[in-house]
Amino acid sequence: MMPDYKYNEDKYITDIKKYLDGTYGEHYIAKDIQVVDIWESLDSLETTARDTAIKYLCRYGKKAGKNKKDLLKAIHYIILMMYSQDSASSKHNYLPDEETIVKAFQQRPLDPQMQDICDAYERVDYHDSHTRN
């Protein structure tokens, strides 16, 4: 038997799912790679998701008034934090390798945020390749 939600939690969960469903297809930089995959491969998913959730919570009520979409975005990033915590304990999840990421970047022009991520990835790779013995 379903609980009788006093505060309409079931409705809000439905709203969250609809929002999440709508984000798929928007964030791909290549056929199967999302920006989140890049953050995960750089081991920055948890902190990036946390910081982005905070951004949307702080923005709520300031940009476009009390914009429900800011709350949905914050929840989405909190869910990504939860995913990051789960995947940290089981590293069997798919992480794109460097070759896959480079091919994805070469397939299309990058927006400024993606260019920053690409540059960061290259700096990490450069640093790693020059510090290995």
N, C-alpha and C. Protein backbone atom coordinates (compact mmCIF):
# COMPACT_ATOMS: atom_id res chain seq x y z
N MET A 1 0.83 -1.18 0.00
CA MET A 1 0.00 0.00 0.00
C MET A 1 0.88 1.25 0.00
N MET A 2 0.54 2.20 -0.84
CA MET A 2 1.28 3.45 -0.93
C MET A 2 0.97 4.32 0.28
N PRO A 3 1.99 4.97 0.80
CA PRO A 3 1.72 5.89 1.92
C PRO A 3 0.89 7.08 1.43
N ASP A 4 0.18 7.67 2.34
CA ASP A 4 -0.56 8.89 2.03
C ASP A 4 0.37 10.06 2.34
N TYR A 5 1.02 10.54 1.28
CA TYR A 5 2.01 11.60 1.46
C TYR A 5 1.33 12.90 1.88
N LYS A 6 1.70 13.39 3.03
CA LYS A 6 1.09 14.58 3.58
C LYS A 6 1.51 15.85 2.84
N TYR A 7 2.74 15.85 2.32
CA TYR A 7 3.30 17.06 1.73
C TYR A 7 3.49 16.94 0.21
N ASN A 8 2.72 16.08 -0.43
CA ASN A 8 2.76 15.90 -1.88
C ASN A 8 4.11 15.41 -2.41
N GLU A 9 4.84 14.67 -1.58
CA GLU A 9 6.15 14.19 -2.01
C GLU A 9 6.07 13.38 -3.30
N ASP A 10 5.01 12.57 -3.45
CA ASP A 10 4.87 11.75 -4.65
C ASP A 10 4.76 12.63 -5.91
N LYS A 11 4.05 13.74 -5.80
CA LYS A 11 3.93 14.67 -6.93
C LYS A 11 5.28 15.28 -7.27
N TYR A 12 6.05 15.67 -6.26
CA TYR A 12 7.34 16.29 -6.50
C TYR A 12 8.33 15.28 -7.09
N ILE A 13 8.26 14.04 -6.65
CA ILE A 13 9.13 13.01 -7.22
C ILE A 13 8.79 12.80 -8.69
N THR A 14 7.52 12.83 -9.03
CA THR A 14 7.09 12.73 -10.43
C THR A 14 7.63 13.93 -11.22
N ASP A 15 7.57 15.12 -10.66
CA ASP A 15 8.11 16.32 -11.32
C ASP A 15 9.61 16.18 -11.54
N ILE A 16 10.32 15.66 -10.55
CA ILE A 16 11.77 15.47 -10.66
C ILE A 16 12.08 14.50 -11.80
N LYS A 17 11.35 13.39 -11.85
CA LYS A 17 11.59 12.40 -12.90
C LYS A 17 11.32 13.00 -14.28
N LYS A 18 10.25 13.76 -14.43
CA LYS A 18 9.96 14.42 -15.71
C LYS A 18 11.10 15.36 -16.10
N TYR A 19 11.58 16.12 -15.14
CA TYR A 19 12.70 17.03 -15.42
C TYR A 19 13.93 16.25 -15.86
N LEU A 20 14.28 15.19 -15.10
CA LEU A 20 15.46 14.39 -15.44
C LEU A 20 15.32 13.77 -16.82
N ASP A 21 14.15 13.24 -17.12
CA ASP A 21 13.91 12.64 -18.44
C ASP A 21 14.18 13.66 -19.54
N GLY A 22 13.79 14.90 -19.30
CA GLY A 22 13.97 15.95 -20.30
C GLY A 22 15.41 16.39 -20.49
N THR A 23 16.28 16.08 -19.52
CA THR A 23 17.68 16.50 -19.65
C THR A 23 18.48 15.55 -20.53
N TYR A 24 18.02 14.32 -20.68
CA TYR A 24 18.76 13.37 -21.51
C TYR A 24 18.65 13.80 -22.95
N GLY A 25 19.77 13.83 -23.60
CA GLY A 25 19.83 14.32 -24.97
C GLY A 25 20.32 15.75 -25.04
N GLU A 26 20.23 16.47 -23.93
CA GLU A 26 20.70 17.86 -23.90
C GLU A 26 22.17 17.98 -23.55
N HIS A 27 22.71 17.04 -22.81
CA HIS A 27 24.04 17.19 -22.24
C HIS A 27 25.11 16.32 -22.90
N TYR A 28 24.79 15.69 -24.01
CA TYR A 28 25.78 14.84 -24.67
C TYR A 28 26.73 15.67 -25.49
N ILE A 29 28.03 15.36 -25.38
CA ILE A 29 29.03 16.00 -26.23
C ILE A 29 29.40 15.09 -27.39
N ALA A 30 29.03 13.86 -27.29
CA ALA A 30 29.19 12.87 -28.36
C ALA A 30 28.11 11.83 -28.13
N LYS A 31 28.09 10.82 -28.97
CA LYS A 31 26.99 9.86 -28.94
C LYS A 31 26.67 9.33 -27.54
N ASP A 32 27.66 8.88 -26.81
CA ASP A 32 27.42 8.26 -25.50
C ASP A 32 28.12 8.96 -24.34
N ILE A 33 28.64 10.15 -24.55
CA ILE A 33 29.43 10.82 -23.51
C ILE A 33 28.75 12.11 -23.10
N GLN A 34 28.57 12.27 -21.79
CA GLN A 34 28.04 13.50 -21.23
C GLN A 34 29.16 14.22 -20.48
N VAL A 35 28.95 15.47 -20.21
CA VAL A 35 29.92 16.24 -19.43
C VAL A 35 30.17 15.56 -18.08
N VAL A 36 29.13 14.98 -17.51
CA VAL A 36 29.27 14.28 -16.22
C VAL A 36 30.30 13.16 -16.32
N ASP A 37 30.38 12.48 -17.47
CA ASP A 37 31.38 11.43 -17.66
C ASP A 37 32.80 12.01 -17.60
N ILE A 38 32.96 13.21 -18.12
CA ILE A 38 34.27 13.86 -18.07
C ILE A 38 34.61 14.20 -16.63
N TRP A 39 33.66 14.79 -15.90
CA TRP A 39 33.91 15.10 -14.49
C TRP A 39 34.27 13.84 -13.72
N GLU A 40 33.57 12.75 -14.01
CA GLU A 40 33.85 11.50 -13.31
C GLU A 40 35.24 11.00 -13.64
N SER A 41 35.65 11.09 -14.90
CA SER A 41 36.98 10.60 -15.28
C SER A 41 38.08 11.46 -14.66
N LEU A 42 37.77 12.71 -14.34
CA LEU A 42 38.72 13.60 -13.68
C LEU A 42 38.65 13.51 -12.16
N ASP A 43 37.81 12.62 -11.66
CA ASP A 43 37.58 12.47 -10.21
C ASP A 43 37.08 13.76 -9.56
N SER A 44 36.26 14.51 -10.30
CA SER A 44 35.74 15.76 -9.74
C SER A 44 34.21 15.79 -9.74
N LEU A 45 33.58 14.67 -10.02
CA LEU A 45 32.12 14.66 -10.13
C LEU A 45 31.46 15.09 -8.82
N GLU A 46 31.87 14.51 -7.71
CA GLU A 46 31.20 14.81 -6.45
C GLU A 46 31.29 16.30 -6.09
N THR A 47 32.48 16.86 -6.18
CA THR A 47 32.63 18.27 -5.80
C THR A 47 31.99 19.20 -6.83
N THR A 48 32.09 18.86 -8.10
CA THR A 48 31.47 19.70 -9.13
C THR A 48 29.95 19.67 -8.98
N ALA A 49 29.39 18.48 -8.76
CA ALA A 49 27.94 18.37 -8.56
C ALA A 49 27.50 19.12 -7.31
N ARG A 50 28.27 19.00 -6.23
CA ARG A 50 27.95 19.72 -4.98
C ARG A 50 27.94 21.22 -5.21
N ASP A 51 29.00 21.72 -5.84
CA ASP A 51 29.12 23.15 -6.06
C ASP A 51 28.03 23.67 -6.99
N THR A 52 27.66 22.88 -7.98
CA THR A 52 26.62 23.30 -8.91
C THR A 52 25.25 23.29 -8.23
N ALA A 53 25.00 22.30 -7.37
CA ALA A 53 23.75 22.28 -6.60
C ALA A 53 23.65 23.52 -5.71
N ILE A 54 24.75 23.88 -5.07
CA ILE A 54 24.77 25.07 -4.23
C ILE A 54 24.48 26.31 -5.07
N LYS A 55 25.06 26.37 -6.27
CA LYS A 55 24.82 27.51 -7.16
C LYS A 55 23.33 27.68 -7.44
N TYR A 56 22.66 26.58 -7.78
CA TYR A 56 21.23 26.68 -8.11
C TYR A 56 20.39 26.99 -6.88
N LEU A 57 20.78 26.49 -5.71
CA LEU A 57 20.05 26.84 -4.50
C LEU A 57 20.22 28.32 -4.16
N CYS A 58 21.43 28.83 -4.36
CA CYS A 58 21.67 30.25 -4.08
C CYS A 58 20.96 31.14 -5.09
N ARG A 59 20.81 30.67 -6.31
CA ARG A 59 20.17 31.46 -7.37
C ARG A 59 18.65 31.48 -7.22
N TYR A 60 18.10 30.47 -6.53
CA TYR A 60 16.65 30.37 -6.38
C TYR A 60 16.10 31.65 -5.76
N GLY A 61 15.10 32.22 -6.41
CA GLY A 61 14.47 33.44 -5.92
C GLY A 61 15.12 34.71 -6.45
N LYS A 62 16.28 34.58 -7.10
CA LYS A 62 16.97 35.77 -7.60
C LYS A 62 16.84 35.90 -9.11
N LYS A 63 16.96 34.80 -9.81
CA LYS A 63 16.87 34.82 -11.28
C LYS A 63 15.50 34.27 -11.66
N ALA A 64 14.71 35.06 -12.30
CA ALA A 64 13.35 34.65 -12.72
C ALA A 64 12.47 34.33 -11.52
N GLY A 65 12.68 35.01 -10.42
CA GLY A 65 11.84 34.80 -9.24
C GLY A 65 12.06 33.44 -8.61
N LYS A 66 11.07 32.95 -7.92
CA LYS A 66 11.17 31.63 -7.28
C LYS A 66 10.93 30.58 -8.35
N ASN A 67 11.98 30.35 -9.11
CA ASN A 67 11.95 29.50 -10.28
C ASN A 67 12.09 28.03 -9.87
N LYS A 68 11.03 27.27 -10.06
CA LYS A 68 11.04 25.85 -9.69
C LYS A 68 12.14 25.09 -10.42
N LYS A 69 12.49 25.53 -11.62
CA LYS A 69 13.52 24.83 -12.38
C LYS A 69 14.88 24.88 -11.67
N ASP A 70 15.17 25.97 -10.96
CA ASP A 70 16.42 26.03 -10.19
C ASP A 70 16.44 24.94 -9.11
N LEU A 71 15.30 24.71 -8.48
CA LEU A 71 15.23 23.65 -7.46
C LEU A 71 15.40 22.28 -8.10
N LEU A 72 14.79 22.08 -9.26
CA LEU A 72 14.93 20.79 -9.95
C LEU A 72 16.38 20.56 -10.37
N LYS A 73 17.04 21.62 -10.83
CA LYS A 73 18.46 21.50 -11.20
C LYS A 73 19.31 21.15 -9.98
N ALA A 74 19.05 21.80 -8.86
CA ALA A 74 19.80 21.50 -7.63
C ALA A 74 19.59 20.05 -7.23
N ILE A 75 18.37 19.57 -7.30
CA ILE A 75 18.08 18.17 -6.97
C ILE A 75 18.82 17.23 -7.92
N HIS A 76 18.84 17.58 -9.20
CA HIS A 76 19.55 16.76 -10.18
C HIS A 76 21.03 16.62 -9.80
N TYR A 77 21.65 17.74 -9.45
CA TYR A 77 23.06 17.68 -9.07
C TYR A 77 23.27 16.95 -7.74
N ILE A 78 22.33 17.02 -6.85
CA ILE A 78 22.42 16.23 -5.61
C ILE A 78 22.33 14.74 -5.93
N ILE A 79 21.46 14.38 -6.87
CA ILE A 79 21.38 12.98 -7.31
C ILE A 79 22.71 12.55 -7.92
N LEU A 80 23.35 13.42 -8.69
CA LEU A 80 24.65 13.09 -9.26
C LEU A 80 25.71 12.91 -8.16
N MET A 81 25.59 13.67 -7.09
CA MET A 81 26.49 13.45 -5.93
C MET A 81 26.26 12.06 -5.35
N MET A 82 25.00 11.67 -5.23
CA MET A 82 24.68 10.33 -4.71
C MET A 82 25.25 9.26 -5.62
N TYR A 83 25.12 9.46 -6.94
CA TYR A 83 25.70 8.53 -7.89
C TYR A 83 27.21 8.45 -7.71
N SER A 84 27.85 9.61 -7.53
CA SER A 84 29.31 9.65 -7.35
C SER A 84 29.72 8.86 -6.12
N GLN A 85 28.97 9.01 -5.04
CA GLN A 85 29.28 8.26 -3.82
C GLN A 85 29.14 6.76 -4.06
N ASP A 86 28.08 6.36 -4.75
CA ASP A 86 27.87 4.94 -5.04
C ASP A 86 28.96 4.40 -5.96
N SER A 87 29.31 5.18 -6.99
CA SER A 87 30.29 4.68 -7.95
C SER A 87 31.69 4.68 -7.38
N ALA A 88 31.95 5.51 -6.36
CA ALA A 88 33.27 5.52 -5.73
C ALA A 88 33.55 4.18 -5.04
N SER A 89 32.49 3.53 -4.56
CA SER A 89 32.68 2.25 -3.89
C SER A 89 32.64 1.08 -4.86
N SER A 90 32.21 1.31 -6.11
CA SER A 90 32.22 0.25 -7.12
C SER A 90 32.63 0.84 -8.45
N LYS A 91 33.89 0.76 -8.76
CA LYS A 91 34.45 1.39 -9.95
C LYS A 91 34.22 0.58 -11.22
N HIS A 92 33.18 -0.23 -11.27
CA HIS A 92 32.90 -0.99 -12.48
C HIS A 92 32.10 -0.19 -13.50
N ASN A 93 31.74 1.03 -13.16
CA ASN A 93 30.97 1.87 -14.09
C ASN A 93 31.86 2.29 -15.26
N TYR A 94 31.23 2.58 -16.37
CA TYR A 94 31.94 3.01 -17.57
C TYR A 94 32.50 4.40 -17.37
N LEU A 95 33.78 4.54 -17.56
CA LEU A 95 34.43 5.84 -17.62
C LEU A 95 35.12 5.92 -18.97
N PRO A 96 34.88 6.96 -19.72
CA PRO A 96 35.51 7.04 -21.04
C PRO A 96 37.02 7.15 -20.90
N ASP A 97 37.73 6.45 -21.78
CA ASP A 97 39.18 6.58 -21.77
C ASP A 97 39.58 7.84 -22.54
N GLU A 98 40.84 8.18 -22.47
CA GLU A 98 41.31 9.42 -23.08
C GLU A 98 41.03 9.45 -24.58
N GLU A 99 41.24 8.34 -25.27
CA GLU A 99 41.02 8.31 -26.72
C GLU A 99 39.56 8.61 -27.07
N THR A 100 38.63 8.04 -26.30
CA THR A 100 37.20 8.28 -26.54
C THR A 100 36.85 9.74 -26.32
N ILE A 101 37.40 10.33 -25.28
CA ILE A 101 37.13 11.73 -24.98
C ILE A 101 37.70 12.63 -26.07
N VAL A 102 38.93 12.36 -26.50
CA VAL A 102 39.55 13.18 -27.54
C VAL A 102 38.73 13.10 -28.83
N LYS A 103 38.29 11.91 -29.20
CA LYS A 103 37.47 11.76 -30.40
C LYS A 103 36.17 12.56 -30.27
N ALA A 104 35.57 12.52 -29.10
CA ALA A 104 34.33 13.26 -28.88
C ALA A 104 34.56 14.76 -29.05
N PHE A 105 35.68 15.26 -28.52
CA PHE A 105 35.97 16.69 -28.65
C PHE A 105 36.23 17.09 -30.09
N GLN A 106 36.81 16.18 -30.87
CA GLN A 106 37.15 16.48 -32.25
C GLN A 106 35.93 16.44 -33.17
N GLN A 107 34.85 15.84 -32.73
CA GLN A 107 33.67 15.66 -33.57
C GLN A 107 32.85 16.93 -33.74
N ARG A 108 32.98 17.87 -32.85
CA ARG A 108 32.12 19.05 -32.95
C ARG A 108 32.77 20.23 -32.26
N PRO A 109 32.39 21.44 -32.62
CA PRO A 109 32.91 22.60 -31.89
C PRO A 109 32.43 22.57 -30.45
N LEU A 110 33.25 23.06 -29.56
CA LEU A 110 32.93 23.02 -28.14
C LEU A 110 32.40 24.37 -27.67
N ASP A 111 31.44 24.29 -26.74
CA ASP A 111 31.03 25.53 -26.10
C ASP A 111 32.11 25.89 -25.08
N PRO A 112 32.12 27.11 -24.56
CA PRO A 112 33.20 27.53 -23.66
C PRO A 112 33.38 26.63 -22.44
N GLN A 113 32.28 26.14 -21.84
CA GLN A 113 32.41 25.27 -20.67
C GLN A 113 33.11 23.97 -21.05
N MET A 114 32.74 23.40 -22.19
CA MET A 114 33.37 22.15 -22.63
C MET A 114 34.83 22.38 -22.96
N GLN A 115 35.16 23.54 -23.53
CA GLN A 115 36.55 23.84 -23.83
C GLN A 115 37.36 23.89 -22.54
N ASP A 116 36.80 24.49 -21.49
CA ASP A 116 37.48 24.53 -20.20
C ASP A 116 37.73 23.12 -19.66
N ILE A 117 36.73 22.24 -19.80
CA ILE A 117 36.88 20.86 -19.33
C ILE A 117 37.96 20.15 -20.14
N CYS A 118 37.93 20.35 -21.46
CA CYS A 118 38.94 19.74 -22.33
C CYS A 118 40.34 20.23 -21.93
N ASP A 119 40.48 21.53 -21.72
CA ASP A 119 41.76 22.09 -21.32
C ASP A 119 42.23 21.50 -19.99
N ALA A 120 41.30 21.36 -19.04
CA ALA A 120 41.65 20.78 -17.74
C ALA A 120 42.09 19.34 -17.91
N TYR A 121 41.40 18.60 -18.74
CA TYR A 121 41.76 17.20 -18.97
C TYR A 121 43.16 17.12 -19.57
N GLU A 122 43.46 17.99 -20.52
CA GLU A 122 44.78 17.99 -21.15
C GLU A 122 45.85 18.35 -20.13
N ARG A 123 45.57 19.32 -19.23
CA ARG A 123 46.56 19.69 -18.20
C ARG A 123 46.83 18.51 -17.27
N VAL A 124 45.78 17.80 -16.87
CA VAL A 124 45.96 16.64 -15.99
C VAL A 124 46.79 15.59 -16.71
N ASP A 125 46.46 15.31 -17.96
CA ASP A 125 47.18 14.31 -18.74
C ASP A 125 48.64 14.73 -18.93
N TYR A 126 48.87 16.01 -19.26
CA TYR A 126 50.23 16.51 -19.45
C TYR A 126 51.04 16.35 -18.16
N HIS A 127 50.43 16.77 -17.05
CA HIS A 127 51.12 16.68 -15.76
C HIS A 127 51.43 15.22 -15.43
N ASP A 128 50.48 14.33 -15.61
CA ASP A 128 50.69 12.91 -15.32
C ASP A 128 51.79 12.32 -16.19
N SER A 129 51.80 12.66 -17.47
CA SER A 129 52.78 12.06 -18.38
C SER A 129 54.19 12.57 -18.10
N HIS A 130 54.30 13.75 -17.49
CA HIS A 130 55.63 14.30 -17.20
C HIS A 130 56.10 14.02 -15.78
N THR A 131 55.28 13.35 -14.97
CA THR A 131 55.71 13.03 -13.61
C THR A 131 55.88 11.53 -13.42
N ARG A 132 55.56 10.74 -14.45
CA ARG A 132 55.74 9.28 -14.34
C ARG A 132 57.20 8.93 -14.52
N ASN A 133 57.65 7.93 -13.80
CA ASN A 133 59.03 7.47 -13.94
C ASN A 133 59.07 6.14 -14.66
